[in-house]
C-alpha atoms as a PDB file:
ATOM      1  CA  MET A   1       1.887 -25.850  12.580  1.00  0.00           C
ATOM      2  CA  THR A   2      -1.921 -26.987  12.146  1.00  0.00           C
ATOM      3  CA  ASN A   3      -4.270 -25.376  10.489  1.00  0.00           C
ATOM      4  CA  LEU A   4      -6.468 -25.212  13.688  1.00  0.00           C
ATOM      5  CA  GLU A   5      -2.987 -24.253  15.234  1.00  0.00           C
ATOM      6  CA  ASN A   6      -2.873 -21.416  13.210  1.00  0.00           C
ATOM      7  CA  VAL A   7      -6.468 -20.546  13.531  1.00  0.00           C
ATOM      8  CA  VAL A   8      -6.521 -20.479  17.107  1.00  0.00           C
ATOM      9  CA  SER A   9      -3.311 -17.845  16.942  1.00  0.00           C
ATOM     10  CA  ASN A  10      -5.388 -15.906  14.469  1.00  0.00           C
ATOM     11  CA  VAL A  11      -8.555 -15.628  16.820  1.00  0.00           C
ATOM     12  CA  GLY A  12      -6.311 -15.207  20.495  1.00  0.00           C
ATOM     13  CA  ASN A  13      -4.180 -12.425  18.050  1.00  0.00           C
ATOM     14  CA  ALA A  14      -7.872 -11.150  17.215  1.00  0.00           C
ATOM     15  CA  VAL A  15      -9.055 -10.836  20.891  1.00  0.00           C
ATOM     16  CA  ALA A  16      -5.690  -9.288  22.140  1.00  0.00           C
ATOM     17  CA  LEU A  17      -6.696  -6.579  19.087  1.00  0.00           C
ATOM     18  CA  ALA A  18      -9.257  -6.163  20.670  1.00  0.00           C
ATOM     19  CA  LEU A  19      -8.468  -5.233  24.651  1.00  0.00           C
ATOM     20  CA  GLY A  20      -5.504  -3.581  22.798  1.00  0.00           C
ATOM     21  CA  PHE A  21      -7.530  -0.669  21.536  1.00  0.00           C
ATOM     22  CA  ALA A  22     -10.182  -0.634  24.246  1.00  0.00           C
ATOM     23  CA  SER A  23      -7.569  -0.001  26.815  1.00  0.00           C
ATOM     24  CA  GLY A  24      -5.219   2.436  24.757  1.00  0.00           C
ATOM     25  CA  ASN A  25      -1.616  -0.049  24.608  1.00  0.00           C
ATOM     26  CA  ILE A  26      -0.686   0.823  21.277  1.00  0.00           C
ATOM     27  CA  GLN A  27       2.413  -2.342  22.252  1.00  0.00           C
ATOM     28  CA  HIS A  28      -0.458  -4.549  22.814  1.00  0.00           C
ATOM     29  CA  ILE A  29      -2.499  -3.788  19.272  1.00  0.00           C
ATOM     30  CA  GLY A  30       1.514  -4.071  17.515  1.00  0.00           C
ATOM     31  CA  SER A  31       2.683  -7.687  18.739  1.00  0.00           C
ATOM     32  CA  SER A  32      -1.455  -8.864  18.224  1.00  0.00           C
ATOM     33  CA  MET A  33      -0.018  -8.032  14.458  1.00  0.00           C
ATOM     34  CA  VAL A  34       0.687 -11.207  13.417  1.00  0.00           C
ATOM     35  CA  ASP A  35      -1.723 -13.142  10.692  1.00  0.00           C
ATOM     36  CA  LYS A  36      -0.668 -17.088  10.353  1.00  0.00           C
ATOM     37  CA  ILE A  37      -3.334 -18.241   7.489  1.00  0.00           C
ATOM     38  CA  VAL A  38      -3.198 -15.645   4.869  1.00  0.00           C
ATOM     39  CA  GLU A  39      -0.569 -13.706   5.229  1.00  0.00           C
ATOM     40  CA  PRO A  40       1.637 -16.102   4.178  1.00  0.00           C
ATOM     41  CA  TYR A  41       0.068 -16.317   0.795  1.00  0.00           C
ATOM     42  CA  ARG A  42      -0.445 -13.054   0.533  1.00  0.00           C
ATOM     43  CA  SER A  43       3.427 -12.010   1.268  1.00  0.00           C
ATOM     44  CA  SER A  44       4.593 -13.783  -1.568  1.00  0.00           C
ATOM     45  CA  SER A  45       3.014 -11.845  -3.729  1.00  0.00           C
ATOM     46  CA  ILE A  46       4.302  -8.973  -2.536  1.00  0.00           C
ATOM     47  CA  PRO A  47       8.210  -8.125  -3.566  1.00  0.00           C
ATOM     48  CA  GLY A  48      10.843  -7.141  -0.419  1.00  0.00           C
ATOM     49  CA  TYR A  49       7.719  -7.463   1.832  1.00  0.00           C
ATOM     50  CA  HIS A  50       9.401 -10.131   4.241  1.00  0.00           C
ATOM     51  CA  LYS A  51      12.739  -7.085   3.997  1.00  0.00           C
ATOM     52  CA  VAL A  52      10.099  -4.217   4.899  1.00  0.00           C
ATOM     53  CA  ARG A  53       8.343  -5.493   7.283  1.00  0.00           C
ATOM     54  CA  GLU A  54      11.491  -6.922   9.484  1.00  0.00           C
ATOM     55  CA  GLU A  55      13.215  -3.317   8.853  1.00  0.00           C
ATOM     56  CA  ALA A  56       9.792  -1.278   9.967  1.00  0.00           C
ATOM     57  CA  LEU A  57       9.576  -3.399  13.094  1.00  0.00           C
ATOM     58  CA  LYS A  58      13.829  -2.666  13.255  1.00  0.00           C
ATOM     59  CA  GLU A  59      12.618   1.023  13.186  1.00  0.00           C
ATOM     60  CA  GLY A  60      10.076   1.376  15.411  1.00  0.00           C
ATOM     61  CA  ALA A  61       7.250   0.289  14.234  1.00  0.00           C
ATOM     62  CA  HIS A  62       5.158  -1.435  16.129  1.00  0.00           C
ATOM     63  CA  GLY A  63       3.086  -3.525  14.242  1.00  0.00           C
ATOM     64  CA  VAL A  64       3.141  -4.424  10.387  1.00  0.00           C
ATOM     65  CA  ALA A  65      -0.187  -6.308   7.946  1.00  0.00           C
ATOM     66  CA  ILE A  66      -0.795  -6.748   4.762  1.00  0.00           C
ATOM     67  CA  SER A  67      -4.231  -4.729   4.714  1.00  0.00           C
ATOM     68  CA  GLY A  68      -6.806  -7.559   5.094  1.00  0.00           C
ATOM     69  CA  ALA A  69      -4.682  -9.511   6.122  1.00  0.00           C
ATOM     70  CA  GLY A  70      -4.664  -9.592   9.701  1.00  0.00           C
ATOM     71  CA  PRO A  71      -6.734 -10.468  12.163  1.00  0.00           C
END
C-alpha cells in the first residue's frame, strides 16, 4: 500500500470515528480504530501488541488503538 493510500485510509477512518461518536454507534467507532501510518511503527516497540490486540477483539472489544496512534 502506498503512502497516499495509507493517508486516504486514515482520513476515512477519522471521518468514520467522528460519525460513530456523533451517532453513538460503538461498532462504527471500533471498526474505524485502524491506523495504517503510525501504529505499525509504534506496535513494534510493544512486546506482544499484536497478540493482545487479536485477543481483545476476539473477546469482544470494539476497537484497539495505541494511545496517540489512531485517527
